[in-house]
Amino acid sequence: MIWPRRQKLPSDLPLVKLEGFRVILRPPQLEDWSKWAKIRDKNRAFLEPLEPTWPENCLTRDFYERRYARQTKDRQQDRAYSFLILTKENKTIIGGVNINNICRGAAQYASLGYWLDQDEQGVGYMAESLRLAINYGFKDLKLHRFHAGCLADNQSSINLLLKLGFTEEGFAKKYVRINGQWQDHKLFGLPVEDWN
């Protein structure tokens, strides 16, 4: 069997911009820091119970610049692709999507991570954003499969993944350290063959 070959990635990758009906996904830029920090701070109480522990200085410019450098290097090395979600109407940052932990060779898979402003929940922004990211992963990155995991009691995330065509594939005890505690997760998968 011949596996898909990846071209060597240049040090200056073109910025990817994924456009949907109501959202735009694009990689973070240095000039996004203040808007990104503001939306994350506004949603801190909502997001902290769902995410790894936030470092003490996580909303500072210095932290953001280090994060940006890491995300850029990950993209250049085909390890991960980070996107901000912006509304198409007024270009406001409302969330983020990450294609993480890319595994090449015989596997050709990645995992999905995502977050959305609490005030924008329930109106389809995240479903549209994940469709764009998944399509990019399958079509442009030539991935064969996506994995996603969510807290076992996060019914909104479970419903979203099922709506997108993911299949529940398992349960992992104490799977990821979320907000300082090892938490149980439901595990989901989506191979390209099941993608519409």
N, C-alpha and C. Protein backbone atom coordinates (compact mmCIF):
# COMPACT_ATOMS: atom_id res chain seq x y z
N MET A 1 0.85 -1.18 0.00
CA MET A 1 0.00 0.00 0.00
C MET A 1 0.89 1.24 0.00
N ILE A 2 0.51 2.24 -0.75
CA ILE A 2 1.26 3.50 -0.80
C ILE A 2 0.50 4.53 0.02
N TRP A 3 1.20 5.14 0.98
CA TRP A 3 0.57 6.15 1.83
C TRP A 3 0.70 7.51 1.17
N PRO A 4 -0.27 8.41 1.41
CA PRO A 4 -0.18 9.75 0.81
C PRO A 4 1.10 10.45 1.27
N ARG A 5 1.78 11.08 0.35
CA ARG A 5 3.00 11.81 0.69
C ARG A 5 2.66 13.25 1.02
N ARG A 6 3.34 13.78 1.99
CA ARG A 6 3.17 15.19 2.36
C ARG A 6 4.31 15.96 1.75
N GLN A 7 4.00 17.06 1.14
CA GLN A 7 5.05 17.92 0.61
C GLN A 7 5.74 18.61 1.77
N LYS A 8 7.02 18.94 1.57
CA LYS A 8 7.75 19.71 2.58
C LYS A 8 7.07 21.06 2.71
N LEU A 9 6.81 21.47 3.93
CA LEU A 9 6.11 22.71 4.16
C LEU A 9 7.09 23.87 4.21
N PRO A 10 6.80 24.96 3.51
CA PRO A 10 7.69 26.12 3.55
C PRO A 10 7.62 26.81 4.90
N SER A 11 8.64 27.59 5.21
CA SER A 11 8.65 28.30 6.49
C SER A 11 7.59 29.39 6.53
N ASP A 12 7.25 29.95 5.37
CA ASP A 12 6.20 30.97 5.29
C ASP A 12 4.97 30.37 4.63
N LEU A 13 4.11 29.76 5.42
CA LEU A 13 2.90 29.15 4.87
C LEU A 13 1.88 30.23 4.56
N PRO A 14 1.15 30.09 3.47
CA PRO A 14 0.08 31.06 3.21
C PRO A 14 -0.99 30.92 4.29
N LEU A 15 -1.61 32.02 4.63
CA LEU A 15 -2.67 31.97 5.62
C LEU A 15 -3.91 31.34 5.02
N VAL A 16 -4.40 30.33 5.68
CA VAL A 16 -5.61 29.65 5.24
C VAL A 16 -6.82 30.41 5.76
N LYS A 17 -7.77 30.63 4.91
CA LYS A 17 -9.01 31.29 5.31
C LYS A 17 -10.17 30.43 4.83
N LEU A 18 -10.94 29.91 5.78
CA LEU A 18 -12.08 29.05 5.47
C LEU A 18 -13.35 29.85 5.68
N GLU A 19 -14.14 30.00 4.64
CA GLU A 19 -15.36 30.81 4.72
C GLU A 19 -16.60 29.96 4.63
N GLY A 20 -17.51 30.17 5.58
CA GLY A 20 -18.81 29.54 5.57
C GLY A 20 -19.88 30.58 5.27
N PHE A 21 -21.11 30.26 5.61
CA PHE A 21 -22.20 31.21 5.40
C PHE A 21 -22.17 32.35 6.41
N ARG A 22 -21.83 32.00 7.68
CA ARG A 22 -21.86 33.00 8.74
C ARG A 22 -20.55 33.17 9.48
N VAL A 23 -19.59 32.28 9.23
CA VAL A 23 -18.33 32.34 9.95
C VAL A 23 -17.13 32.28 9.01
N ILE A 24 -16.01 32.76 9.51
CA ILE A 24 -14.72 32.65 8.85
C ILE A 24 -13.77 32.00 9.85
N LEU A 25 -13.00 31.03 9.40
CA LEU A 25 -11.94 30.44 10.21
C LEU A 25 -10.62 30.86 9.59
N ARG A 26 -9.71 31.36 10.44
CA ARG A 26 -8.37 31.71 9.98
C ARG A 26 -7.40 31.54 11.13
N PRO A 27 -6.11 31.33 10.81
CA PRO A 27 -5.13 31.19 11.89
C PRO A 27 -5.03 32.47 12.72
N PRO A 28 -4.71 32.35 13.99
CA PRO A 28 -4.50 33.53 14.83
C PRO A 28 -3.34 34.37 14.29
N GLN A 29 -3.41 35.67 14.53
CA GLN A 29 -2.35 36.60 14.17
C GLN A 29 -1.92 37.33 15.44
N LEU A 30 -0.72 37.89 15.43
CA LEU A 30 -0.23 38.60 16.61
C LEU A 30 -1.16 39.74 17.01
N GLU A 31 -1.72 40.42 16.02
CA GLU A 31 -2.59 41.57 16.31
C GLU A 31 -3.95 41.17 16.89
N ASP A 32 -4.23 39.88 16.99
CA ASP A 32 -5.49 39.40 17.57
C ASP A 32 -5.45 39.37 19.10
N TRP A 33 -4.27 39.58 19.70
CA TRP A 33 -4.12 39.34 21.14
C TRP A 33 -5.20 40.02 21.98
N SER A 34 -5.41 41.32 21.86
CA SER A 34 -6.32 42.01 22.78
C SER A 34 -7.76 41.52 22.62
N LYS A 35 -8.18 41.26 21.40
CA LYS A 35 -9.56 40.76 21.19
C LYS A 35 -9.70 39.33 21.68
N TRP A 36 -8.67 38.52 21.43
CA TRP A 36 -8.68 37.14 21.90
C TRP A 36 -8.72 37.10 23.43
N ALA A 37 -7.86 37.90 24.06
CA ALA A 37 -7.80 37.93 25.53
C ALA A 37 -9.13 38.41 26.12
N LYS A 38 -9.74 39.38 25.48
CA LYS A 38 -11.00 39.93 25.98
C LYS A 38 -12.12 38.88 25.93
N ILE A 39 -12.23 38.14 24.83
CA ILE A 39 -13.30 37.15 24.71
C ILE A 39 -13.04 35.95 25.62
N ARG A 40 -11.77 35.58 25.78
CA ARG A 40 -11.45 34.48 26.69
C ARG A 40 -11.73 34.90 28.14
N ASP A 41 -11.37 36.12 28.51
CA ASP A 41 -11.62 36.60 29.86
C ASP A 41 -13.12 36.68 30.14
N LYS A 42 -13.87 37.17 29.19
CA LYS A 42 -15.33 37.26 29.33
C LYS A 42 -15.94 35.88 29.58
N ASN A 43 -15.37 34.84 28.98
CA ASN A 43 -15.91 33.48 29.05
C ASN A 43 -15.20 32.59 30.06
N ARG A 44 -14.35 33.18 30.88
CA ARG A 44 -13.52 32.39 31.78
C ARG A 44 -14.34 31.43 32.66
N ALA A 45 -15.35 31.93 33.32
CA ALA A 45 -16.15 31.08 34.22
C ALA A 45 -16.86 29.96 33.45
N PHE A 46 -17.23 30.22 32.21
CA PHE A 46 -17.90 29.23 31.38
C PHE A 46 -16.91 28.18 30.85
N LEU A 47 -15.71 28.61 30.45
CA LEU A 47 -14.76 27.71 29.79
C LEU A 47 -13.87 26.93 30.75
N GLU A 48 -13.50 27.52 31.88
CA GLU A 48 -12.56 26.84 32.78
C GLU A 48 -12.98 25.43 33.19
N PRO A 49 -14.27 25.17 33.48
CA PRO A 49 -14.66 23.80 33.85
C PRO A 49 -14.55 22.80 32.69
N LEU A 50 -14.35 23.30 31.46
CA LEU A 50 -14.33 22.44 30.28
C LEU A 50 -12.94 22.28 29.67
N GLU A 51 -11.94 22.98 30.21
CA GLU A 51 -10.62 23.03 29.60
C GLU A 51 -9.52 22.68 30.61
N PRO A 52 -8.31 22.36 30.09
CA PRO A 52 -7.17 22.21 31.01
C PRO A 52 -7.00 23.49 31.83
N THR A 53 -6.38 23.36 32.99
CA THR A 53 -6.19 24.50 33.89
C THR A 53 -5.53 25.66 33.17
N TRP A 54 -6.11 26.84 33.34
CA TRP A 54 -5.56 28.04 32.73
C TRP A 54 -4.34 28.49 33.54
N PRO A 55 -3.19 28.68 32.88
CA PRO A 55 -2.04 29.24 33.61
C PRO A 55 -2.37 30.63 34.15
N GLU A 56 -1.67 31.03 35.19
CA GLU A 56 -1.95 32.30 35.86
C GLU A 56 -1.87 33.49 34.90
N ASN A 57 -0.94 33.47 33.98
CA ASN A 57 -0.72 34.62 33.09
C ASN A 57 -1.27 34.39 31.67
N CYS A 58 -2.26 33.52 31.53
CA CYS A 58 -2.68 33.04 30.21
C CYS A 58 -3.33 34.09 29.32
N LEU A 59 -3.69 35.24 29.84
CA LEU A 59 -4.32 36.27 29.01
C LEU A 59 -3.39 37.45 28.73
N THR A 60 -2.12 37.31 29.12
CA THR A 60 -1.16 38.39 28.89
C THR A 60 -0.65 38.36 27.45
N ARG A 61 -0.13 39.48 27.02
CA ARG A 61 0.43 39.57 25.67
C ARG A 61 1.62 38.60 25.51
N ASP A 62 2.47 38.52 26.52
CA ASP A 62 3.63 37.63 26.46
C ASP A 62 3.19 36.18 26.25
N PHE A 63 2.20 35.73 27.01
CA PHE A 63 1.69 34.37 26.88
C PHE A 63 1.14 34.16 25.47
N TYR A 64 0.35 35.12 24.99
CA TYR A 64 -0.24 35.01 23.66
C TYR A 64 0.85 34.91 22.58
N GLU A 65 1.90 35.70 22.70
CA GLU A 65 2.97 35.68 21.71
C GLU A 65 3.69 34.32 21.70
N ARG A 66 3.89 33.74 22.88
CA ARG A 66 4.49 32.41 22.95
C ARG A 66 3.55 31.36 22.36
N ARG A 67 2.28 31.50 22.64
CA ARG A 67 1.27 30.59 22.09
C ARG A 67 1.24 30.69 20.56
N TYR A 68 1.27 31.93 20.07
CA TYR A 68 1.27 32.17 18.63
C TYR A 68 2.50 31.54 17.96
N ALA A 69 3.66 31.69 18.58
CA ALA A 69 4.89 31.11 18.03
C ALA A 69 4.79 29.58 17.98
N ARG A 70 4.24 28.97 19.04
CA ARG A 70 4.08 27.52 19.07
C ARG A 70 3.09 27.07 18.00
N GLN A 71 1.95 27.78 17.86
CA GLN A 71 0.96 27.42 16.86
C GLN A 71 1.52 27.55 15.44
N THR A 72 2.32 28.58 15.21
CA THR A 72 2.93 28.77 13.90
C THR A 72 3.90 27.63 13.59
N LYS A 73 4.72 27.27 14.56
CA LYS A 73 5.66 26.17 14.38
C LYS A 73 4.93 24.85 14.14
N ASP A 74 3.86 24.61 14.90
CA ASP A 74 3.07 23.39 14.71
C ASP A 74 2.50 23.31 13.29
N ARG A 75 2.02 24.44 12.80
CA ARG A 75 1.46 24.49 11.44
C ARG A 75 2.56 24.23 10.41
N GLN A 76 3.70 24.85 10.59
CA GLN A 76 4.82 24.67 9.66
C GLN A 76 5.29 23.22 9.63
N GLN A 77 5.20 22.55 10.77
CA GLN A 77 5.67 21.17 10.86
C GLN A 77 4.54 20.15 10.70
N ASP A 78 3.36 20.61 10.29
CA ASP A 78 2.22 19.74 10.02
C ASP A 78 1.83 18.91 11.25
N ARG A 79 1.93 19.54 12.45
CA ARG A 79 1.55 18.85 13.69
C ARG A 79 0.17 19.26 14.17
N ALA A 80 -0.22 20.50 13.88
CA ALA A 80 -1.52 21.01 14.34
C ALA A 80 -1.84 22.27 13.55
N TYR A 81 -3.12 22.56 13.44
CA TYR A 81 -3.60 23.75 12.75
C TYR A 81 -4.64 24.43 13.64
N SER A 82 -4.34 25.66 14.03
CA SER A 82 -5.23 26.41 14.91
C SER A 82 -5.97 27.48 14.12
N PHE A 83 -7.24 27.65 14.44
CA PHE A 83 -8.07 28.65 13.78
C PHE A 83 -8.86 29.44 14.81
N LEU A 84 -9.03 30.71 14.56
CA LEU A 84 -10.02 31.51 15.28
C LEU A 84 -11.30 31.48 14.49
N ILE A 85 -12.42 31.55 15.19
CA ILE A 85 -13.74 31.66 14.54
C ILE A 85 -14.15 33.12 14.62
N LEU A 86 -14.45 33.70 13.48
CA LEU A 86 -14.93 35.08 13.42
C LEU A 86 -16.29 35.09 12.74
N THR A 87 -17.16 36.00 13.18
CA THR A 87 -18.42 36.16 12.48
C THR A 87 -18.13 36.82 11.14
N LYS A 88 -18.81 36.36 10.11
CA LYS A 88 -18.60 36.91 8.78
C LYS A 88 -19.12 38.34 8.70
N GLU A 89 -20.18 38.60 9.46
CA GLU A 89 -20.84 39.90 9.41
C GLU A 89 -19.96 41.04 9.91
N ASN A 90 -19.34 40.85 11.08
CA ASN A 90 -18.56 41.98 11.64
C ASN A 90 -17.14 41.59 12.06
N LYS A 91 -16.70 40.38 11.70
CA LYS A 91 -15.31 39.93 11.95
C LYS A 91 -14.95 39.87 13.43
N THR A 92 -15.93 39.65 14.30
CA THR A 92 -15.71 39.52 15.73
C THR A 92 -15.24 38.11 16.06
N ILE A 93 -14.22 37.98 16.91
CA ILE A 93 -13.76 36.67 17.36
C ILE A 93 -14.79 36.10 18.33
N ILE A 94 -15.27 34.88 18.03
CA ILE A 94 -16.27 34.25 18.91
C ILE A 94 -15.83 32.87 19.40
N GLY A 95 -14.68 32.38 18.93
CA GLY A 95 -14.26 31.06 19.38
C GLY A 95 -13.02 30.59 18.66
N GLY A 96 -12.77 29.28 18.78
CA GLY A 96 -11.61 28.69 18.15
C GLY A 96 -11.82 27.22 17.85
N VAL A 97 -11.09 26.74 16.84
CA VAL A 97 -11.08 25.32 16.46
C VAL A 97 -9.63 24.92 16.26
N ASN A 98 -9.26 23.77 16.77
CA ASN A 98 -7.91 23.26 16.58
C ASN A 98 -7.94 21.86 16.00
N ILE A 99 -7.14 21.66 14.97
CA ILE A 99 -6.87 20.32 14.45
C ILE A 99 -5.54 19.93 15.10
N ASN A 100 -5.61 19.05 16.09
CA ASN A 100 -4.47 18.75 16.97
C ASN A 100 -3.90 17.35 16.73
N ASN A 101 -2.68 17.15 17.24
CA ASN A 101 -2.09 15.81 17.34
C ASN A 101 -2.14 15.04 16.02
N ILE A 102 -1.73 15.69 14.95
CA ILE A 102 -1.76 15.03 13.64
C ILE A 102 -0.78 13.87 13.64
N CYS A 103 -1.26 12.73 13.22
CA CYS A 103 -0.45 11.52 13.12
C CYS A 103 -0.44 11.09 11.66
N ARG A 104 0.74 11.02 11.08
CA ARG A 104 0.87 10.63 9.67
C ARG A 104 1.21 9.15 9.57
N GLY A 105 1.91 8.75 8.55
CA GLY A 105 2.24 7.34 8.36
C GLY A 105 1.00 6.53 8.06
N ALA A 106 0.88 5.39 8.69
CA ALA A 106 -0.25 4.50 8.42
C ALA A 106 -1.55 5.01 9.01
N ALA A 107 -1.48 5.93 9.97
CA ALA A 107 -2.68 6.36 10.70
C ALA A 107 -3.45 7.48 10.00
N GLN A 108 -2.81 8.60 9.68
CA GLN A 108 -3.43 9.73 8.99
C GLN A 108 -4.66 10.25 9.73
N TYR A 109 -4.51 10.53 11.03
CA TYR A 109 -5.64 11.05 11.80
C TYR A 109 -5.23 12.29 12.58
N ALA A 110 -6.23 12.96 13.15
CA ALA A 110 -6.02 14.11 14.02
C ALA A 110 -7.17 14.18 15.00
N SER A 111 -6.99 14.98 16.05
CA SER A 111 -8.08 15.20 17.00
C SER A 111 -8.58 16.63 16.89
N LEU A 112 -9.81 16.83 17.26
CA LEU A 112 -10.44 18.15 17.21
C LEU A 112 -10.58 18.73 18.60
N GLY A 113 -10.30 20.02 18.71
CA GLY A 113 -10.58 20.78 19.92
C GLY A 113 -11.34 22.03 19.52
N TYR A 114 -12.20 22.53 20.40
CA TYR A 114 -13.02 23.68 20.01
C TYR A 114 -13.59 24.36 21.25
N TRP A 115 -13.87 25.66 21.09
CA TRP A 115 -14.52 26.45 22.15
C TRP A 115 -15.31 27.57 21.48
N LEU A 116 -16.33 28.05 22.16
CA LEU A 116 -17.19 29.09 21.61
C LEU A 116 -17.70 29.99 22.73
N ASP A 117 -17.77 31.27 22.44
CA ASP A 117 -18.34 32.27 23.35
C ASP A 117 -19.70 31.77 23.85
N GLN A 118 -19.91 31.83 25.15
CA GLN A 118 -21.16 31.35 25.74
C GLN A 118 -22.37 32.07 25.14
N ASP A 119 -22.23 33.36 24.82
CA ASP A 119 -23.36 34.12 24.27
C ASP A 119 -23.71 33.70 22.84
N GLU A 120 -22.84 32.93 22.19
CA GLU A 120 -23.07 32.51 20.80
C GLU A 120 -23.47 31.04 20.69
N GLN A 121 -23.70 30.40 21.83
CA GLN A 121 -24.07 28.98 21.86
C GLN A 121 -25.48 28.78 21.32
N GLY A 122 -25.68 27.64 20.68
CA GLY A 122 -27.02 27.20 20.32
C GLY A 122 -27.59 27.77 19.04
N VAL A 123 -26.77 28.47 18.25
CA VAL A 123 -27.30 29.04 17.00
C VAL A 123 -26.59 28.50 15.76
N GLY A 124 -25.76 27.46 15.93
CA GLY A 124 -25.15 26.79 14.80
C GLY A 124 -23.77 27.26 14.38
N TYR A 125 -23.19 28.22 15.09
CA TYR A 125 -21.86 28.69 14.72
C TYR A 125 -20.81 27.58 14.81
N MET A 126 -20.86 26.80 15.89
CA MET A 126 -19.84 25.77 16.05
C MET A 126 -20.02 24.65 15.05
N ALA A 127 -21.23 24.25 14.77
CA ALA A 127 -21.45 23.20 13.77
C ALA A 127 -20.89 23.64 12.41
N GLU A 128 -21.16 24.88 12.04
CA GLU A 128 -20.64 25.40 10.77
C GLU A 128 -19.12 25.45 10.79
N SER A 129 -18.54 25.89 11.89
CA SER A 129 -17.09 26.00 12.02
C SER A 129 -16.42 24.63 11.94
N LEU A 130 -16.97 23.65 12.64
CA LEU A 130 -16.38 22.32 12.61
C LEU A 130 -16.52 21.68 11.24
N ARG A 131 -17.63 21.93 10.55
CA ARG A 131 -17.75 21.41 9.18
C ARG A 131 -16.64 21.95 8.29
N LEU A 132 -16.36 23.24 8.42
CA LEU A 132 -15.28 23.84 7.62
C LEU A 132 -13.93 23.22 7.97
N ALA A 133 -13.65 23.06 9.26
CA ALA A 133 -12.36 22.51 9.70
C ALA A 133 -12.22 21.04 9.28
N ILE A 134 -13.28 20.26 9.45
CA ILE A 134 -13.23 18.85 9.08
C ILE A 134 -13.03 18.70 7.58
N ASN A 135 -13.76 19.48 6.80
CA ASN A 135 -13.62 19.43 5.35
C ASN A 135 -12.19 19.78 4.94
N TYR A 136 -11.61 20.80 5.58
CA TYR A 136 -10.23 21.19 5.31
C TYR A 136 -9.28 20.03 5.66
N GLY A 137 -9.53 19.39 6.79
CA GLY A 137 -8.68 18.28 7.20
C GLY A 137 -8.72 17.11 6.22
N PHE A 138 -9.91 16.77 5.76
CA PHE A 138 -10.04 15.65 4.83
C PHE A 138 -9.55 16.02 3.42
N LYS A 139 -9.96 17.17 2.95
CA LYS A 139 -9.67 17.55 1.56
C LYS A 139 -8.25 18.07 1.37
N ASP A 140 -7.82 19.00 2.21
CA ASP A 140 -6.53 19.66 2.00
C ASP A 140 -5.38 18.99 2.75
N LEU A 141 -5.64 18.54 3.97
CA LEU A 141 -4.59 17.89 4.75
C LEU A 141 -4.51 16.39 4.48
N LYS A 142 -5.50 15.87 3.75
CA LYS A 142 -5.53 14.45 3.36
C LYS A 142 -5.57 13.52 4.57
N LEU A 143 -6.25 13.96 5.63
CA LEU A 143 -6.44 13.10 6.78
C LEU A 143 -7.46 12.02 6.45
N HIS A 144 -7.36 10.90 7.11
CA HIS A 144 -8.33 9.83 6.90
C HIS A 144 -9.40 9.80 8.01
N ARG A 145 -9.08 10.40 9.17
CA ARG A 145 -9.97 10.23 10.30
C ARG A 145 -9.78 11.37 11.31
N PHE A 146 -10.88 11.72 11.98
CA PHE A 146 -10.84 12.66 13.10
C PHE A 146 -11.29 11.94 14.37
N HIS A 147 -10.63 12.28 15.47
CA HIS A 147 -11.05 11.84 16.80
C HIS A 147 -11.53 13.07 17.56
N ALA A 148 -12.46 12.88 18.46
CA ALA A 148 -12.89 13.94 19.36
C ALA A 148 -13.30 13.30 20.68
N GLY A 149 -12.99 13.98 21.74
CA GLY A 149 -13.40 13.52 23.06
C GLY A 149 -14.05 14.66 23.81
N CYS A 150 -15.00 14.34 24.65
CA CYS A 150 -15.62 15.39 25.47
C CYS A 150 -15.97 14.82 26.84
N LEU A 151 -16.09 15.73 27.80
CA LEU A 151 -16.49 15.30 29.13
C LEU A 151 -17.75 14.45 29.04
N ALA A 152 -17.79 13.41 29.85
CA ALA A 152 -18.89 12.45 29.76
C ALA A 152 -20.26 13.07 29.98
N ASP A 153 -20.32 14.20 30.70
CA ASP A 153 -21.62 14.83 30.97
C ASP A 153 -21.85 16.10 30.13
N ASN A 154 -21.01 16.33 29.11
CA ASN A 154 -21.16 17.52 28.27
C ASN A 154 -22.11 17.19 27.11
N GLN A 155 -23.40 17.21 27.39
CA GLN A 155 -24.39 16.78 26.42
C GLN A 155 -24.42 17.67 25.17
N SER A 156 -24.13 18.96 25.32
CA SER A 156 -24.10 19.85 24.15
C SER A 156 -23.03 19.41 23.16
N SER A 157 -21.85 19.10 23.67
CA SER A 157 -20.76 18.67 22.80
C SER A 157 -21.06 17.30 22.20
N ILE A 158 -21.62 16.40 22.98
CA ILE A 158 -22.00 15.08 22.49
C ILE A 158 -23.00 15.22 21.34
N ASN A 159 -24.03 16.04 21.54
CA ASN A 159 -25.04 16.23 20.49
C ASN A 159 -24.43 16.83 19.23
N LEU A 160 -23.51 17.78 19.41
CA LEU A 160 -22.85 18.41 18.27
C LEU A 160 -22.06 17.38 17.46
N LEU A 161 -21.27 16.57 18.13
CA LEU A 161 -20.46 15.58 17.42
C LEU A 161 -21.34 14.56 16.68
N LEU A 162 -22.40 14.11 17.32
CA LEU A 162 -23.32 13.17 16.66
C LEU A 162 -23.98 13.82 15.44
N LYS A 163 -24.35 15.08 15.57
CA LYS A 163 -24.97 15.82 14.46
C LYS A 163 -24.03 15.90 13.26
N LEU A 164 -22.72 16.01 13.53
CA LEU A 164 -21.72 16.13 12.46
C LEU A 164 -21.35 14.78 11.84
N GLY A 165 -21.88 13.69 12.38
CA GLY A 165 -21.62 12.38 11.80
C GLY A 165 -20.62 11.54 12.56
N PHE A 166 -20.11 12.04 13.69
CA PHE A 166 -19.22 11.24 14.52
C PHE A 166 -20.00 10.07 15.13
N THR A 167 -19.29 9.00 15.40
CA THR A 167 -19.85 7.85 16.08
C THR A 167 -19.20 7.73 17.45
N GLU A 168 -20.02 7.48 18.46
CA GLU A 168 -19.44 7.24 19.79
C GLU A 168 -18.73 5.90 19.76
N GLU A 169 -17.44 5.91 20.15
CA GLU A 169 -16.62 4.71 20.01
C GLU A 169 -16.08 4.17 21.33
N GLY A 170 -16.26 4.93 22.39
CA GLY A 170 -15.73 4.41 23.64
C GLY A 170 -15.84 5.37 24.80
N PHE A 171 -15.30 4.92 25.90
CA PHE A 171 -15.31 5.68 27.14
C PHE A 171 -13.92 5.54 27.76
N ALA A 172 -13.33 6.66 28.13
CA ALA A 172 -11.99 6.63 28.72
C ALA A 172 -12.04 7.24 30.13
N LYS A 173 -11.73 6.40 31.12
CA LYS A 173 -11.70 6.87 32.51
C LYS A 173 -10.47 7.74 32.74
N LYS A 174 -10.69 8.85 33.45
CA LYS A 174 -9.59 9.74 33.83
C LYS A 174 -8.69 10.04 32.62
N TYR A 175 -9.31 10.43 31.52
CA TYR A 175 -8.65 10.53 30.21
C TYR A 175 -7.81 11.80 30.04
N VAL A 176 -8.38 12.95 30.40
CA VAL A 176 -7.68 14.22 30.21
C VAL A 176 -7.82 15.03 31.50
N ARG A 177 -6.76 15.75 31.84
CA ARG A 177 -6.80 16.59 33.03
C ARG A 177 -7.50 17.90 32.68
N ILE A 178 -8.71 18.07 33.17
CA ILE A 178 -9.54 19.23 32.90
C ILE A 178 -9.73 20.00 34.19
N ASN A 179 -9.42 21.29 34.14
CA ASN A 179 -9.58 22.17 35.30
C ASN A 179 -8.97 21.57 36.57
N GLY A 180 -7.79 20.95 36.39
CA GLY A 180 -7.05 20.43 37.53
C GLY A 180 -7.39 19.03 37.98
N GLN A 181 -8.35 18.37 37.32
CA GLN A 181 -8.73 17.02 37.73
C GLN A 181 -8.80 16.10 36.51
N TRP A 182 -8.35 14.85 36.69
CA TRP A 182 -8.45 13.87 35.62
C TRP A 182 -9.93 13.51 35.44
N GLN A 183 -10.42 13.70 34.23
CA GLN A 183 -11.86 13.57 33.97
C GLN A 183 -12.15 12.45 32.97
N ASP A 184 -13.29 11.78 33.17
CA ASP A 184 -13.77 10.78 32.23
C ASP A 184 -14.25 11.46 30.95
N HIS A 185 -14.02 10.80 29.82
CA HIS A 185 -14.43 11.35 28.52
C HIS A 185 -15.14 10.28 27.69
N LYS A 186 -16.10 10.73 26.90
CA LYS A 186 -16.66 9.90 25.84
C LYS A 186 -15.83 10.18 24.59
N LEU A 187 -15.54 9.12 23.83
CA LEU A 187 -14.68 9.21 22.66
C LEU A 187 -15.48 8.99 21.38
N PHE A 188 -15.19 9.82 20.39
CA PHE A 188 -15.91 9.79 19.13
C PHE A 188 -14.94 9.73 17.96
N GLY A 189 -15.38 9.17 16.84
CA GLY A 189 -14.55 9.10 15.65
C GLY A 189 -15.34 9.37 14.39
N LEU A 190 -14.63 9.88 13.38
CA LEU A 190 -15.25 10.15 12.08
C LEU A 190 -14.22 9.86 10.98
N PRO A 191 -14.37 8.74 10.25
CA PRO A 191 -13.50 8.49 9.10
C PRO A 191 -14.02 9.23 7.88
N VAL A 192 -13.13 9.51 6.95
CA VAL A 192 -13.50 10.26 5.75
C VAL A 192 -14.63 9.56 4.98
N GLU A 193 -14.70 8.24 5.05
CA GLU A 193 -15.75 7.51 4.33
C GLU A 193 -17.14 7.86 4.82
N ASP A 194 -17.25 8.32 6.06
CA ASP A 194 -18.56 8.68 6.63
C ASP A 194 -18.87 10.17 6.52
N TRP A 195 -17.97 10.94 5.91
CA TRP A 195 -18.14 12.39 5.82
C TRP A 195 -18.99 12.74 4.61
N ASN A 196 -20.02 13.56 4.83
CA ASN A 196 -20.89 13.99 3.72
C ASN A 196 -20.45 15.36 3.26
